[in-house]
PDB file of N, CA and C in Angstrom:
ATOM      1  N   GLU A   1      42.442-100.685-124.757  1.00  0.00           N
ATOM      2  CA  GLU A   1      43.812-100.217-124.796  1.00  0.00           C
ATOM      3  C   GLU A   1      44.208 -99.703-126.176  1.00  0.00           C
ATOM      4  N   VAL A   2      43.521-100.148-127.226  1.00  0.00           N
ATOM      5  CA  VAL A   2      43.821 -99.660-128.576  1.00  0.00           C
ATOM      6  C   VAL A   2      43.464 -98.183-128.692  1.00  0.00           C
ATOM      7  N   ARG A   3      42.291 -97.812-128.185  1.00  0.00           N
ATOM      8  CA  ARG A   3      41.867 -96.404-128.237  1.00  0.00           C
ATOM      9  C   ARG A   3      42.858 -95.520-127.480  1.00  0.00           C
ATOM     10  N   VAL A   4      43.298 -95.974-126.329  1.00  0.00           N
ATOM     11  CA  VAL A   4      44.268 -95.216-125.526  1.00  0.00           C
ATOM     12  C   VAL A   4      45.582 -95.065-126.289  1.00  0.00           C
ATOM     13  N   ALA A   5      46.025 -96.116-126.956  1.00  0.00           N
ATOM     14  CA  ALA A   5      47.273 -96.051-127.727  1.00  0.00           C
ATOM     15  C   ALA A   5      47.168 -95.025-128.854  1.00  0.00           C
ATOM     16  N   PHE A   6      46.021 -94.988-129.535  1.00  0.00           N
ATOM     17  CA  PHE A   6      45.834 -93.998-130.598  1.00  0.00           C
ATOM     18  C   PHE A   6      45.786 -92.589-130.016  1.00  0.00           C
ATOM     19  N   ALA A   7      45.142 -92.418-128.868  1.00  0.00           N
ATOM     20  CA  ALA A   7      45.088 -91.102-128.226  1.00  0.00           C
ATOM     21  C   ALA A   7      46.493 -90.633-127.857  1.00  0.00           C
ATOM     22  N   ARG A   8      47.300 -91.525-127.312  1.00  0.00           N
ATOM     23  CA  ARG A   8      48.678 -91.173-126.938  1.00  0.00           C
ATOM     24  C   ARG A   8      49.520 -90.815-128.158  1.00  0.00           C
ATOM     25  N   ALA A   9      49.171 -91.406-129.305  1.00  0.00           N
ATOM     26  CA  ALA A   9      49.910 -91.133-130.544  1.00  0.00           C
ATOM     27  C   ALA A   9      49.448 -89.847-131.225  1.00  0.00           C
ATOM     28  N   GLY A  10      48.447 -89.164-130.634  1.00  0.00           N
ATOM     29  CA  GLY A  10      48.011 -87.880-131.154  1.00  0.00           C
ATOM     30  C   GLY A  10      46.821 -87.911-132.094  1.00  0.00           C
ATOM     31  N   PHE A  11      46.178 -89.054-132.217  1.00  0.00           N
ATOM     32  CA  PHE A  11      44.998 -89.142-133.082  1.00  0.00           C
ATOM     33  C   PHE A  11      43.788 -88.517-132.404  1.00  0.00           C
ATOM     34  N   ASP A  12      42.857 -88.000-133.204  1.00  0.00           N
ATOM     35  CA  ASP A  12      41.590 -87.469-132.700  1.00  0.00           C
ATOM     36  C   ASP A  12      40.663 -88.659-132.466  1.00  0.00           C
ATOM     37  N   VAL A  13      40.744 -89.248-131.276  1.00  0.00           N
ATOM     38  CA  VAL A  13      39.963 -90.457-130.997  1.00  0.00           C
ATOM     39  C   VAL A  13      38.472 -90.173-130.897  1.00  0.00           C
ATOM     40  N   GLY A  14      38.095 -88.922-130.611  1.00  0.00           N
ATOM     41  CA  GLY A  14      36.679 -88.573-130.577  1.00  0.00           C
ATOM     42  C   GLY A  14      36.026 -88.745-131.939  1.00  0.00           C
ATOM     43  N   GLN A  15      36.778 -88.496-132.995  1.00  0.00           N
ATOM     44  CA  GLN A  15      36.279 -88.642-134.357  1.00  0.00           C
ATOM     45  C   GLN A  15      36.408 -90.081-134.844  1.00  0.00           C
ATOM     46  N   ALA A  16      37.397 -90.808-134.373  1.00  0.00           N
ATOM     47  CA  ALA A  16      37.731 -92.108-134.955  1.00  0.00           C
ATOM     48  C   ALA A  16      37.242 -93.318-134.163  1.00  0.00           C
ATOM     49  N   PHE A  17      36.710 -93.113-132.980  1.00  0.00           N
ATOM     50  CA  PHE A  17      36.223 -94.239-132.179  1.00  0.00           C
ATOM     51  C   PHE A  17      34.829 -93.940-131.650  1.00  0.00           C
ATOM     52  N   GLY A  18      33.944 -94.930-131.723  1.00  0.00           N
ATOM     53  CA  GLY A  18      32.603 -94.808-131.168  1.00  0.00           C
ATOM     54  C   GLY A  18      32.380 -95.904-130.144  1.00  0.00           C
ATOM     55  N   PRO A  19      31.650 -95.625-129.074  1.00  0.00           N
ATOM     56  CA  PRO A  19      31.442 -96.634-128.029  1.00  0.00           C
ATOM     57  C   PRO A  19      30.536 -97.771-128.498  1.00  0.00           C
ATOM     58  N   LEU A  20      30.812 -98.951-127.998  1.00  0.00           N
ATOM     59  CA  LEU A  20      29.953-100.115-128.216  1.00  0.00           C
ATOM     60  C   LEU A  20      29.049-100.289-127.006  1.00  0.00           C
ATOM     61  N   ALA A  21      28.121-101.233-127.073  1.00  0.00           N
ATOM     62  CA  ALA A  21      27.200-101.478-125.957  1.00  0.00           C
ATOM     63  C   ALA A  21      27.941-101.970-124.718  1.00  0.00           C
ATOM     64  N   THR A  22      29.047-102.683-124.905  1.00  0.00           N
ATOM     65  CA  THR A  22      29.840-103.176-123.785  1.00  0.00           C
ATOM     66  C   THR A  22      30.698-102.037-123.244  1.00  0.00           C
ATOM     67  N   PRO A  23      30.557-101.692-121.964  1.00  0.00           N
ATOM     68  CA  PRO A  23      31.349-100.594-121.394  1.00  0.00           C
ATOM     69  C   PRO A  23      32.851-100.812-121.592  1.00  0.00           C
ATOM     70  N   GLY A  24      33.531 -99.757-121.990  1.00  0.00           N
ATOM     71  CA  GLY A  24      34.970 -99.831-122.182  1.00  0.00           C
ATOM     72  C   GLY A  24      35.400-100.377-123.531  1.00  0.00           C
ATOM     73  N   LYS A  25      34.455-100.755-124.381  1.00  0.00           N
ATOM     74  CA  LYS A  25      34.769-101.281-125.716  1.00  0.00           C
ATOM     75  C   LYS A  25      34.447-100.213-126.760  1.00  0.00           C
ATOM     76  N   TRP A  26      35.251-100.154-127.800  1.00  0.00           N
ATOM     77  CA  TRP A  26      35.111 -99.111-128.815  1.00  0.00           C
ATOM     78  C   TRP A  26      35.166 -99.700-130.211  1.00  0.00           C
ATOM     79  N   MET A  27      34.455 -99.062-131.137  1.00  0.00           N
ATOM     80  CA  MET A  27      34.501 -99.415-132.553  1.00  0.00           C
ATOM     81  C   MET A  27      35.395 -98.396-133.243  1.00  0.00           C
ATOM     82  N   ALA A  28      36.446 -98.877-133.900  1.00  0.00           N
ATOM     83  CA  ALA A  28      37.372 -97.973-134.589  1.00  0.00           C
ATOM     84  C   ALA A  28      36.880 -97.675-135.996  1.00  0.00           C
ATOM     85  N   ASN A  29      36.950 -96.416-136.383  1.00  0.00           N
ATOM     86  CA  ASN A  29      36.649 -95.986-137.746  1.00  0.00           C
ATOM     87  C   ASN A  29      37.983 -95.980-138.491  1.00  0.00           C
ATOM     88  N   LEU A  30      38.305 -97.107-139.137  1.00  0.00           N
ATOM     89  CA  LEU A  30      39.610 -97.254-139.780  1.00  0.00           C
ATOM     90  C   LEU A  30      39.864 -96.231-140.886  1.00  0.00           C
ATOM     91  N   PRO A  31      38.852 -95.900-141.719  1.00  0.00           N
ATOM     92  CA  PRO A  31      39.108 -94.855-142.716  1.00  0.00           C
ATOM     93  C   PRO A  31      39.480 -93.513-142.078  1.00  0.00           C
ATOM     94  N   ALA A  32      38.835 -93.166-140.973  1.00  0.00           N
ATOM     95  CA  ALA A  32      39.155 -91.904-140.289  1.00  0.00           C
ATOM     96  C   ALA A  32      40.577 -91.937-139.742  1.00  0.00           C
ATOM     97  N   LEU A  33      40.983 -93.060-139.163  1.00  0.00           N
ATOM     98  CA  LEU A  33      42.346 -93.181-138.643  1.00  0.00           C
ATOM     99  C   LEU A  33      43.370 -93.089-139.775  1.00  0.00           C
ATOM    100  N   ALA A  34      43.080 -93.743-140.897  1.00  0.00           N
ATOM    101  CA  ALA A  34      43.997 -93.693-142.042  1.00  0.00           C
ATOM    102  C   ALA A  34      44.113 -92.272-142.577  1.00  0.00           C
ATOM    103  N   ARG A  35      42.981 -91.570-142.683  1.00  0.00           N
ATOM    104  CA  ARG A  35      43.003 -90.190-143.168  1.00  0.00           C
ATOM    105  C   ARG A  35      43.806 -89.294-142.226  1.00  0.00           C
ATOM    106  N   GLN A  36      43.612 -89.473-140.920  1.00  0.00           N
ATOM    107  CA  GLN A  36      44.367 -88.668-139.956  1.00  0.00           C
ATOM    108  C   GLN A  36      45.865 -88.914-140.119  1.00  0.00           C
ATOM    109  N   GLN A  37      46.247 -90.176-140.289  1.00  0.00           N
ATOM    110  CA  GLN A  37      47.664 -90.512-140.448  1.00  0.00           C
ATOM    111  C   GLN A  37      48.228 -89.904-141.734  1.00  0.00           C
ATOM    112  N   LEU A  38      47.491 -90.030-142.838  1.00  0.00           N
ATOM    113  CA  LEU A  38      47.953 -89.457-144.106  1.00  0.00           C
ATOM    114  C   LEU A  38      48.096 -87.940-144.008  1.00  0.00           C
ATOM    115  N   LEU A  39      47.115 -87.275-143.404  1.00  0.00           N
ATOM    116  CA  LEU A  39      47.189 -85.821-143.242  1.00  0.00           C
ATOM    117  C   LEU A  39      48.380 -85.416-142.384  1.00  0.00           C
ATOM    118  N   SER A  40      48.664 -86.202-141.331  1.00  0.00           N
ATOM    119  CA  SER A  40      49.805 -85.881-140.462  1.00  0.00           C
ATOM    120  C   SER A  40      51.134 -86.022-141.203  1.00  0.00           C
ATOM    121  N   LEU A  41      51.140 -86.811-142.275  1.00  0.00           N
ATOM    122  CA  LEU A  41      52.342 -86.992-143.091  1.00  0.00           C
ATOM    123  C   LEU A  41      52.423 -85.979-144.231  1.00  0.00           C
ATOM    124  N   GLY A  42      51.432 -85.067-144.289  1.00  0.00           N
ATOM    125  CA  GLY A  42      51.434 -84.040-145.317  1.00  0.00           C
ATOM    126  C   GLY A  42      50.741 -84.439-146.609  1.00  0.00           C
ATOM    127  N   ILE A  43      50.088 -85.586-146.616  1.00  0.00           N
ATOM    128  CA  ILE A  43      49.361 -86.037-147.805  1.00  0.00           C
ATOM    129  C   ILE A  43      47.955 -85.463-147.728  1.00  0.00           C
ATOM    130  N   THR A  44      47.644 -84.544-148.626  1.00  0.00           N
ATOM    131  CA  THR A  44      46.360 -83.846-148.554  1.00  0.00           C
ATOM    132  C   THR A  44      45.377 -84.259-149.639  1.00  0.00           C
ATOM    133  N   SER A  45      45.849 -84.905-150.681  1.00  0.00           N
ATOM    134  CA  SER A  45      44.962 -85.361-151.757  1.00  0.00           C
ATOM    135  C   SER A  45      44.563 -86.803-151.457  1.00  0.00           C
ATOM    136  N   ILE A  46      43.439 -86.955-150.758  1.00  0.00           N
ATOM    137  CA  ILE A  46      42.967 -88.272-150.325  1.00  0.00           C
ATOM    138  C   ILE A  46      41.589 -88.490-150.926  1.00  0.00           C
ATOM    139  N   HIS A  47      41.412 -89.594-151.609  1.00  0.00           N
ATOM    140  CA  HIS A  47      40.145 -89.880-152.275  1.00  0.00           C
ATOM    141  C   HIS A  47      39.657 -91.257-151.861  1.00  0.00           C
ATOM    142  N   GLY A  48      38.350 -91.460-151.909  1.00  0.00           N
ATOM    143  CA  GLY A  48      37.802 -92.783-151.641  1.00  0.00           C
ATOM    144  C   GLY A  48      37.152 -92.887-150.283  1.00  0.00           C
ATOM    145  N   ASN A  49      37.272 -94.038-149.690  1.00  0.00           N
ATOM    146  CA  ASN A  49      36.556 -94.384-148.466  1.00  0.00           C
ATOM    147  C   ASN A  49      36.746 -93.338-147.375  1.00  0.00           C
ATOM    148  N   ASP A  50      35.643 -92.720-146.983  1.00  0.00           N
ATOM    149  CA  ASP A  50      35.693 -91.754-145.885  1.00  0.00           C
ATOM    150  C   ASP A  50      34.876 -92.221-144.684  1.00  0.00           C
ATOM    151  N   GLY A  51      34.461 -93.481-144.695  1.00  0.00           N
ATOM    152  CA  GLY A  51      33.734 -94.044-143.559  1.00  0.00           C
ATOM    153  C   GLY A  51      32.244 -93.773-143.561  1.00  0.00           C
ATOM    154  N   THR A  52      31.730 -93.098-144.592  1.00  0.00           N
ATOM    155  CA  THR A  52      30.296 -92.816-144.655  1.00  0.00           C
ATOM    156  C   THR A  52      29.547 -94.017-145.244  1.00  0.00           C
ATOM    157  N   PRO A  53      28.222 -94.075-145.050  1.00  0.00           N
ATOM    158  CA  PRO A  53      27.440 -95.236-145.514  1.00  0.00           C
ATOM    159  C   PRO A  53      27.652 -95.659-146.969  1.00  0.00           C
ATOM    160  N   PRO A  54      27.855 -94.746-147.932  1.00  0.00           N
ATOM    161  CA  PRO A  54      28.086 -95.229-149.297  1.00  0.00           C
ATOM    162  C   PRO A  54      29.320 -96.121-149.446  1.00  0.00           C
ATOM    163  N   TRP A  55      30.227 -96.062-148.481  1.00  0.00           N
ATOM    164  CA  TRP A  55      31.447 -96.866-148.528  1.00  0.00           C
ATOM    165  C   TRP A  55      31.372 -98.102-147.634  1.00  0.00           C
ATOM    166  N   CYS A  56      30.229 -98.383-147.043  1.00  0.00           N
ATOM    167  CA  CYS A  56      30.082 -99.522-146.130  1.00  0.00           C
ATOM    168  C   CYS A  56      30.097-100.838-146.908  1.00  0.00           C
ATOM    169  N   THR A  57      31.063-101.696-146.620  1.00  0.00           N
ATOM    170  CA  THR A  57      31.180-102.965-147.342  1.00  0.00           C
ATOM    171  C   THR A  57      30.053-103.929-147.007  1.00  0.00           C
ATOM    172  N   VAL A  58      29.467-103.802-145.828  1.00  0.00           N
ATOM    173  CA  VAL A  58      28.359-104.687-145.452  1.00  0.00           C
ATOM    174  C   VAL A  58      27.076-104.253-146.149  1.00  0.00           C
ATOM    175  N   ALA A  59      26.779-102.962-146.128  1.00  0.00           N
ATOM    176  CA  ALA A  59      25.524-102.463-146.694  1.00  0.00           C
ATOM    177  C   ALA A  59      25.538-102.385-148.217  1.00  0.00           C
ATOM    178  N   GLN A  60      26.699-102.228-148.818  1.00  0.00           N
ATOM    179  CA  GLN A  60      26.801-102.050-150.271  1.00  0.00           C
ATOM    180  C   GLN A  60      27.281-103.333-150.953  1.00  0.00           C
ATOM    181  N   SER A  61      26.469-104.382-150.863  1.00  0.00           N
ATOM    182  CA  SER A  61      26.890-105.688-151.391  1.00  0.00           C
ATOM    183  C   SER A  61      27.087-105.688-152.903  1.00  0.00           C
ATOM    184  N   SER A  62      26.411-104.808-153.630  1.00  0.00           N
ATOM    185  CA  SER A  62      26.592-104.779-155.084  1.00  0.00           C
ATOM    186  C   SER A  62      27.906-104.102-155.488  1.00  0.00           C
ATOM    187  N   ARG A  63      28.495-103.339-154.579  1.00  0.00           N
ATOM    188  CA  ARG A  63      29.736-102.614-154.888  1.00  0.00           C
ATOM    189  C   ARG A  63      30.977-103.214-154.253  1.00  0.00           C
ATOM    190  N   PHE A  64      30.812-103.837-153.073  1.00  0.00           N
ATOM    191  CA  PHE A  64      31.984-104.252-152.313  1.00  0.00           C
ATOM    192  C   PHE A  64      31.900-105.691-151.833  1.00  0.00           C
ATOM    193  N   PHE A  65      33.054-106.334-151.775  1.00  0.00           N
ATOM    194  CA  PHE A  65      33.202-107.646-151.168  1.00  0.00           C
ATOM    195  C   PHE A  65      33.277-107.473-149.652  1.00  0.00           C
ATOM    196  N   SER A  66      32.655-108.375-148.903  1.00  0.00           N
ATOM    197  CA  SER A  66      32.778-108.386-147.448  1.00  0.00           C
ATOM    198  C   SER A  66      32.850-109.831-146.978  1.00  0.00           C
ATOM    199  N   HIS A  67      33.994-110.231-146.466  1.00  0.00           N
ATOM    200  CA  HIS A  67      34.154-111.601-145.976  1.00  0.00           C
ATOM    201  C   HIS A  67      33.146-111.900-144.874  1.00  0.00           C
ATOM    202  N   ARG A  68      33.011-111.008-143.905  1.00  0.00           N
ATOM    203  CA  ARG A  68      32.089-111.254-142.790  1.00  0.00           C
ATOM    204  C   ARG A  68      30.646-111.363-143.273  1.00  0.00           C
ATOM    205  N   ARG A  69      30.232-110.447-144.140  1.00  0.00           N
ATOM    206  CA  ARG A  69      28.860-110.473-144.647  1.00  0.00           C
ATOM    207  C   ARG A  69      28.602-111.747-145.436  1.00  0.00           C
ATOM    208  N   ASP A  70      29.478-112.074-146.374  1.00  0.00           N
ATOM    209  CA  ASP A  70      29.252-113.230-147.235  1.00  0.00           C
ATOM    210  C   ASP A  70      29.379-114.546-146.486  1.00  0.00           C
ATOM    211  N   ALA A  71      30.328-114.642-145.563  1.00  0.00           N
ATOM    212  CA  ALA A  71      30.483-115.876-144.793  1.00  0.00           C
ATOM    213  C   ALA A  71      29.268-116.113-143.909  1.00  0.00           C
ATOM    214  N   ALA A  72      28.723-115.055-143.323  1.00  0.00           N
ATOM    215  CA  ALA A  72      27.544-115.200-142.461  1.00  0.00           C
ATOM    216  C   ALA A  72      26.314-115.569-143.279  1.00  0.00           C
ATOM    217  N   ARG A  73      26.177-114.974-144.446  1.00  0.00           N
ATOM    218  CA  ARG A  73      24.993-115.183-145.273  1.00  0.00           C
ATOM    219  C   ARG A  73      25.096-116.423-146.154  1.00  0.00           C
ATOM    220  N   LEU A  74      26.267-116.674-146.711  1.00  0.00           N
ATOM    221  CA  LEU A  74      26.429-117.744-147.692  1.00  0.00           C
ATOM    222  C   LEU A  74      27.186-118.953-147.167  1.00  0.00           C
ATOM    223  N   GLY A  75      27.795-118.831-146.003  1.00  0.00           N
ATOM    224  CA  GLY A  75      28.568-119.934-145.449  1.00  0.00           C
ATOM    225  C   GLY A  75      30.006-119.958-145.929  1.00  0.00           C
ATOM    226  N   SER A  76      30.352-119.115-146.898  1.00  0.00           N
ATOM    227  CA  SER A  76      31.726-119.020-147.383  1.00  0.00           C
ATOM    228  C   SER A  76      31.892-117.676-148.083  1.00  0.00           C
ATOM    229  N   SER A  77      33.096-117.393-148.495  1.00  0.00           N
ATOM    230  CA  SER A  77      33.328-116.135-149.205  1.00  0.00           C
ATOM    231  C   SER A  77      34.501-116.298-150.152  1.00  0.00           C
ATOM    232  N   GLY A  78      34.698-115.310-151.008  1.00  0.00           N
ATOM    233  CA  GLY A  78      35.811-115.307-151.948  1.00  0.00           C
ATOM    234  C   GLY A  78      36.982-114.525-151.393  1.00  0.00           C
ATOM    235  N   ARG A  79      37.767-113.987-152.259  1.00  0.00           N
ATOM    236  CA  ARG A  79      38.938-113.211-151.866  1.00  0.00           C
ATOM    237  C   ARG A  79      38.932-111.887-152.616  1.00  0.00           C
ATOM    238  N   MET A  80      39.718-110.947-152.118  1.00  0.00           N
ATOM    239  CA  MET A  80      39.848-109.669-152.808  1.00  0.00           C
ATOM    240  C   MET A  80      41.245-109.113-152.587  1.00  0.00           C
ATOM    241  N   ALA A  81      41.609-108.139-153.384  1.00  0.00           N
ATOM    242  CA  ALA A  81      42.887-107.443-153.231  1.00  0.00           C
ATOM    243  C   ALA A  81      42.621-105.946-153.312  1.00  0.00           C
ATOM    244  N   ALA A  82      43.428-105.183-152.623  1.00  0.00           N
ATOM    245  CA  ALA A  82      43.339-103.727-152.678  1.00  0.00           C
ATOM    246  C   ALA A  82      44.718-103.189-153.038  1.00  0.00           C
ATOM    247  N   CYS A  83      44.751-102.099-153.765  1.00  0.00           N
ATOM    248  CA  CYS A  83      46.021-101.523-154.198  1.00  0.00           C
ATOM    249  C   CYS A  83      46.073-100.045-153.834  1.00  0.00           C
ATOM    250  N   ILE A  84      47.252 -99.607-153.490  1.00  0.00           N
ATOM    251  CA  ILE A  84      47.511 -98.191-153.239  1.00  0.00           C
ATOM    252  C   ILE A  84      48.749 -97.827-154.042  1.00  0.00           C
ATOM    253  N   TRP A  85      48.716 -96.685-154.712  1.00  0.00           N
ATOM    254  CA  TRP A  85      49.887 -96.255-155.450  1.00  0.00           C
ATOM    255  C   TRP A  85      50.102 -94.766-155.249  1.00  0.00           C
ATOM    256  N   LEU A  86      51.335 -94.384-155.364  1.00  0.00           N
ATOM    257  CA  LEU A  86      51.706 -92.973-155.300  1.00  0.00           C
ATOM    258  C   LEU A  86      52.092 -92.558-156.707  1.00  0.00           C
ATOM    259  N   GLY A  87      51.469 -91.486-157.188  1.00  0.00           N
ATOM    260  CA  GLY A  87      51.713 -91.113-158.582  1.00  0.00           C
ATOM    261  C   GLY A  87      52.546 -89.943-158.764  1.00  0.00           C
TER     262      GLY A  87
END
């Protein structure tokens, strides 16, 4: 139902959702959804995470914190903060 809600809201769900092995289940590409939303608001200067492998928090352990990765591997994890600013 999440994919349907995004489709009804005008998002390009073909670009932002990929099917999972379970029929009817989808994996959302959150960076793609965020970029679509920012572009729809007229924000065209967007930098950073574009959903490609160099930005993967699981695969890039030396660059990024991942609660799921660290909790599964280490049994616990730390915390992180993210900031967004308009200049």
